[in-house]
């Protein structure tokens, strides 16, 4: 199946681990009829969960806007929001004692 847009065809740097996972996925997909899109979704979800910037994930996925990435994978972001709220507590708590 051809890519949806011209931006979808581009080189991406892949780690050795990623290459092995893709090769393994190809074998499993042939046996189980899994979709590569499932792997793409997991890739984006894991990156965001690990704190990678939305802009970076957007570029790697080939999305045209950050909003598209955030809307599609926003279910990961509430945990990051809780971490941000805790960071504010730490900053305000430290400033309040100075």
N, C-alpha and C. Protein backbone atom coordinates (compact mmCIF):
# COMPACT_ATOMS: atom_id res chain seq x y z
N UNK A 1 0.85 -1.17 0.00
CA UNK A 1 0.00 0.00 0.00
C UNK A 1 0.90 1.24 0.00
N UNK A 2 0.66 2.21 -0.87
CA UNK A 2 1.50 3.40 -0.92
C UNK A 2 1.25 4.32 0.27
N UNK A 3 2.22 5.15 0.62
CA UNK A 3 2.04 6.11 1.72
C UNK A 3 0.92 7.10 1.40
N UNK A 4 0.35 7.67 2.47
CA UNK A 4 -0.75 8.61 2.28
C UNK A 4 -0.30 9.93 1.66
N UNK A 5 0.88 10.42 2.05
CA UNK A 5 1.34 11.71 1.56
C UNK A 5 2.80 11.61 1.12
N UNK A 6 3.27 12.63 0.41
CA UNK A 6 4.67 12.64 -0.03
C UNK A 6 5.63 12.73 1.16
N UNK A 7 5.19 13.33 2.27
CA UNK A 7 6.05 13.43 3.46
C UNK A 7 6.22 12.08 4.14
N UNK A 8 5.33 11.14 3.83
CA UNK A 8 5.40 9.83 4.46
C UNK A 8 6.60 9.02 3.98
N UNK A 9 7.11 9.33 2.81
CA UNK A 9 8.27 8.63 2.27
C UNK A 9 9.51 9.43 2.62
N UNK A 10 10.25 8.95 3.64
CA UNK A 10 11.42 9.67 4.10
C UNK A 10 12.30 8.72 4.89
N UNK A 11 13.59 8.98 4.94
CA UNK A 11 14.47 8.13 5.74
C UNK A 11 14.29 8.44 7.23
N UNK A 12 14.38 7.39 8.03
CA UNK A 12 14.31 7.54 9.48
C UNK A 12 15.48 6.80 10.11
N UNK A 13 16.11 7.40 11.11
CA UNK A 13 17.17 6.67 11.80
C UNK A 13 16.54 5.59 12.69
N UNK A 14 17.06 4.38 12.61
CA UNK A 14 16.56 3.28 13.43
C UNK A 14 17.70 2.65 14.20
N UNK A 15 17.42 2.35 15.44
CA UNK A 15 18.40 1.64 16.25
C UNK A 15 18.43 0.17 15.83
N UNK A 16 19.49 -0.52 16.20
CA UNK A 16 19.58 -1.95 15.91
C UNK A 16 18.43 -2.70 16.55
N UNK A 17 18.06 -2.30 17.76
CA UNK A 17 16.93 -2.92 18.46
C UNK A 17 15.65 -2.75 17.65
N UNK A 18 15.43 -1.56 17.11
CA UNK A 18 14.23 -1.29 16.32
C UNK A 18 14.21 -2.14 15.05
N UNK A 19 15.35 -2.26 14.39
CA UNK A 19 15.43 -3.07 13.17
C UNK A 19 15.09 -4.53 13.49
N UNK A 20 15.65 -5.05 14.58
CA UNK A 20 15.35 -6.43 14.96
C UNK A 20 13.87 -6.60 15.31
N UNK A 21 13.31 -5.61 16.00
CA UNK A 21 11.89 -5.68 16.36
C UNK A 21 11.01 -5.65 15.12
N UNK A 22 11.36 -4.82 14.14
CA UNK A 22 10.58 -4.76 12.90
C UNK A 22 10.67 -6.08 12.12
N UNK A 23 11.86 -6.64 12.09
CA UNK A 23 12.02 -7.93 11.40
C UNK A 23 11.21 -9.02 12.10
N UNK A 24 11.25 -9.01 13.41
CA UNK A 24 10.48 -9.98 14.18
C UNK A 24 8.98 -9.75 13.98
N UNK A 25 8.59 -8.50 13.96
CA UNK A 25 7.19 -8.15 13.74
C UNK A 25 6.71 -8.63 12.38
N UNK A 26 7.55 -8.52 11.37
CA UNK A 26 7.19 -8.98 10.02
C UNK A 26 6.88 -10.48 10.04
N UNK A 27 7.69 -11.24 10.76
CA UNK A 27 7.45 -12.68 10.86
C UNK A 27 6.15 -12.96 11.59
N UNK A 28 5.95 -12.29 12.73
CA UNK A 28 4.70 -12.49 13.50
C UNK A 28 3.48 -12.06 12.69
N UNK A 29 3.60 -10.95 11.99
CA UNK A 29 2.47 -10.44 11.21
C UNK A 29 2.06 -11.44 10.14
N UNK A 30 3.03 -12.07 9.53
CA UNK A 30 2.72 -13.08 8.51
C UNK A 30 1.94 -14.25 9.12
N UNK A 31 2.25 -14.58 10.38
CA UNK A 31 1.58 -15.69 11.05
C UNK A 31 0.24 -15.27 11.66
N UNK A 32 0.18 -14.10 12.25
CA UNK A 32 -0.98 -13.67 13.03
C UNK A 32 -1.81 -12.60 12.34
N UNK A 33 -1.38 -12.07 11.22
CA UNK A 33 -2.09 -10.99 10.52
C UNK A 33 -2.20 -9.73 11.36
N UNK A 34 -1.16 -9.42 12.18
CA UNK A 34 -1.13 -8.16 12.92
C UNK A 34 -0.82 -7.04 11.94
N UNK A 35 -1.15 -5.83 12.31
CA UNK A 35 -0.92 -4.69 11.43
C UNK A 35 0.29 -3.89 11.90
N UNK A 36 1.08 -3.42 10.95
CA UNK A 36 2.22 -2.58 11.29
C UNK A 36 1.77 -1.31 12.00
N UNK A 37 0.55 -0.86 11.71
CA UNK A 37 0.04 0.34 12.36
C UNK A 37 -0.02 0.16 13.88
N UNK A 38 -0.26 -1.06 14.34
CA UNK A 38 -0.26 -1.32 15.79
C UNK A 38 1.11 -1.03 16.39
N UNK A 39 2.16 -1.41 15.67
CA UNK A 39 3.52 -1.14 16.12
C UNK A 39 3.80 0.36 16.12
N UNK A 40 3.31 1.06 15.10
CA UNK A 40 3.47 2.51 15.01
C UNK A 40 2.80 3.19 16.21
N UNK A 41 1.61 2.73 16.56
CA UNK A 41 0.89 3.31 17.69
C UNK A 41 1.66 3.07 19.00
N UNK A 42 2.17 1.86 19.16
CA UNK A 42 2.95 1.55 20.37
C UNK A 42 4.20 2.40 20.43
N UNK A 43 4.87 2.58 19.29
CA UNK A 43 6.08 3.40 19.20
C UNK A 43 5.81 4.82 19.72
N UNK A 44 4.75 5.45 19.21
CA UNK A 44 4.42 6.81 19.62
C UNK A 44 4.03 6.86 21.10
N UNK A 45 3.24 5.90 21.52
CA UNK A 45 2.80 5.86 22.92
C UNK A 45 3.98 5.74 23.87
N UNK A 46 4.91 4.83 23.57
CA UNK A 46 6.07 4.64 24.43
C UNK A 46 6.95 5.88 24.46
N UNK A 47 7.17 6.51 23.32
CA UNK A 47 8.00 7.73 23.29
C UNK A 47 7.39 8.82 24.16
N UNK A 48 6.10 9.06 24.01
CA UNK A 48 5.44 10.11 24.80
C UNK A 48 5.44 9.76 26.28
N UNK A 49 5.23 8.49 26.59
CA UNK A 49 5.23 8.07 27.99
C UNK A 49 6.61 8.27 28.63
N UNK A 50 7.65 8.17 27.83
CA UNK A 50 9.01 8.36 28.33
C UNK A 50 9.43 9.82 28.34
N UNK A 51 8.51 10.72 27.98
CA UNK A 51 8.79 12.15 28.08
C UNK A 51 9.35 12.78 26.82
N UNK A 52 9.33 12.05 25.70
CA UNK A 52 9.82 12.64 24.46
C UNK A 52 8.89 13.77 24.05
N UNK A 53 9.48 14.80 23.47
CA UNK A 53 8.71 15.98 23.06
C UNK A 53 7.72 15.64 21.95
N UNK A 54 6.54 16.27 21.99
CA UNK A 54 5.55 16.08 20.95
C UNK A 54 6.10 16.40 19.57
N UNK A 55 6.91 17.44 19.47
CA UNK A 55 7.46 17.84 18.17
C UNK A 55 8.31 16.71 17.57
N UNK A 56 9.10 16.05 18.40
CA UNK A 56 9.94 14.95 17.93
C UNK A 56 9.08 13.79 17.46
N UNK A 57 8.09 13.42 18.25
CA UNK A 57 7.20 12.32 17.88
C UNK A 57 6.44 12.68 16.60
N UNK A 58 5.99 13.92 16.50
CA UNK A 58 5.30 14.38 15.30
C UNK A 58 6.17 14.18 14.06
N UNK A 59 7.43 14.59 14.15
CA UNK A 59 8.34 14.47 13.01
C UNK A 59 8.59 13.00 12.65
N UNK A 60 8.80 12.16 13.66
CA UNK A 60 9.07 10.75 13.39
C UNK A 60 7.87 10.04 12.77
N UNK A 61 6.67 10.45 13.16
CA UNK A 61 5.47 9.84 12.61
C UNK A 61 5.08 10.44 11.27
N UNK A 62 5.62 11.62 10.96
CA UNK A 62 5.27 12.27 9.70
C UNK A 62 3.95 13.03 9.76
N UNK A 63 3.50 13.35 10.97
CA UNK A 63 2.28 14.14 11.11
C UNK A 63 2.55 15.57 10.65
N UNK A 64 1.52 16.23 10.14
CA UNK A 64 1.70 17.58 9.63
C UNK A 64 1.63 18.62 10.75
N UNK A 65 1.01 18.28 11.88
CA UNK A 65 0.89 19.23 13.00
C UNK A 65 1.08 18.52 14.33
N UNK A 66 1.49 19.28 15.32
CA UNK A 66 1.59 18.74 16.69
C UNK A 66 0.19 18.37 17.18
N UNK A 67 -0.79 19.15 16.78
CA UNK A 67 -2.16 18.88 17.21
C UNK A 67 -2.61 17.48 16.79
N UNK A 68 -2.26 17.08 15.58
CA UNK A 68 -2.64 15.74 15.11
C UNK A 68 -2.01 14.68 16.01
N UNK A 69 -0.76 14.87 16.37
CA UNK A 69 -0.07 13.91 17.25
C UNK A 69 -0.71 13.91 18.63
N UNK A 70 -0.95 15.09 19.18
CA UNK A 70 -1.54 15.19 20.51
C UNK A 70 -2.96 14.62 20.54
N UNK A 71 -3.75 14.90 19.50
CA UNK A 71 -5.11 14.38 19.45
C UNK A 71 -5.13 12.86 19.33
N UNK A 72 -4.19 12.31 18.56
CA UNK A 72 -4.15 10.87 18.34
C UNK A 72 -3.61 10.12 19.55
N UNK A 73 -2.58 10.69 20.19
CA UNK A 73 -1.90 9.99 21.28
C UNK A 73 -2.04 10.70 22.61
N UNK A 74 -3.03 11.55 22.74
CA UNK A 74 -3.23 12.33 23.96
C UNK A 74 -3.53 11.51 25.19
N UNK A 75 -3.94 10.25 25.01
CA UNK A 75 -4.24 9.41 26.17
C UNK A 75 -3.00 9.16 27.02
N UNK A 76 -1.83 9.43 26.50
CA UNK A 76 -0.60 9.26 27.26
C UNK A 76 -0.34 10.48 28.12
N UNK A 77 -0.81 11.61 27.69
CA UNK A 77 -0.42 12.88 28.30
C UNK A 77 -0.93 13.14 29.71
N UNK A 78 -2.05 12.58 30.19
CA UNK A 78 -2.45 12.86 31.57
C UNK A 78 -1.40 12.51 32.61
N UNK A 79 -0.65 11.43 32.42
CA UNK A 79 0.40 11.09 33.38
C UNK A 79 1.47 12.17 33.38
N UNK A 80 1.79 12.69 32.21
CA UNK A 80 2.77 13.77 32.11
C UNK A 80 2.23 15.03 32.79
N UNK A 81 0.93 15.27 32.70
CA UNK A 81 0.33 16.44 33.35
C UNK A 81 0.44 16.33 34.87
N UNK A 82 0.26 15.12 35.39
CA UNK A 82 0.42 14.93 36.84
C UNK A 82 1.86 15.19 37.27
N UNK A 83 2.81 14.77 36.44
CA UNK A 83 4.22 15.03 36.75
C UNK A 83 4.50 16.53 36.74
N UNK A 84 3.89 17.23 35.79
CA UNK A 84 4.08 18.69 35.73
C UNK A 84 3.49 19.36 36.97
N UNK A 85 2.32 18.91 37.40
CA UNK A 85 1.71 19.47 38.60
C UNK A 85 2.60 19.24 39.82
N UNK A 86 3.21 18.07 39.90
CA UNK A 86 4.13 17.78 41.00
C UNK A 86 5.36 18.68 40.93
N UNK A 87 5.82 18.97 39.73
CA UNK A 87 6.97 19.86 39.56
C UNK A 87 6.64 21.25 40.07
N UNK A 88 5.43 21.73 39.80
CA UNK A 88 5.01 23.05 40.30
C UNK A 88 4.99 23.04 41.82
N UNK A 89 4.46 21.95 42.41
CA UNK A 89 4.46 21.84 43.87
C UNK A 89 5.88 21.93 44.42
N UNK A 90 6.82 21.25 43.76
CA UNK A 90 8.21 21.29 44.23
C UNK A 90 8.79 22.69 44.14
N UNK A 91 8.52 23.36 43.02
CA UNK A 91 9.07 24.72 42.83
C UNK A 91 8.46 25.68 43.84
N UNK A 92 7.14 25.65 43.97
CA UNK A 92 6.47 26.57 44.90
C UNK A 92 6.83 26.25 46.34
N UNK A 93 6.98 24.97 46.66
CA UNK A 93 7.37 24.58 48.01
C UNK A 93 8.76 25.05 48.34
N UNK A 94 9.68 24.95 47.37
CA UNK A 94 11.06 25.40 47.59
C UNK A 94 11.12 26.92 47.69
N UNK A 95 10.36 27.62 46.85
CA UNK A 95 10.39 29.08 46.89
C UNK A 95 9.74 29.60 48.15
N UNK A 96 8.73 28.87 48.65
CA UNK A 96 8.04 29.31 49.86
C UNK A 96 8.93 29.22 51.09
N UNK A 97 9.95 28.37 51.06
CA UNK A 97 10.82 28.20 52.22
C UNK A 97 12.07 29.08 52.16
N UNK A 98 12.29 29.74 51.01
CA UNK A 98 13.51 30.55 50.87
C UNK A 98 13.39 31.87 51.57
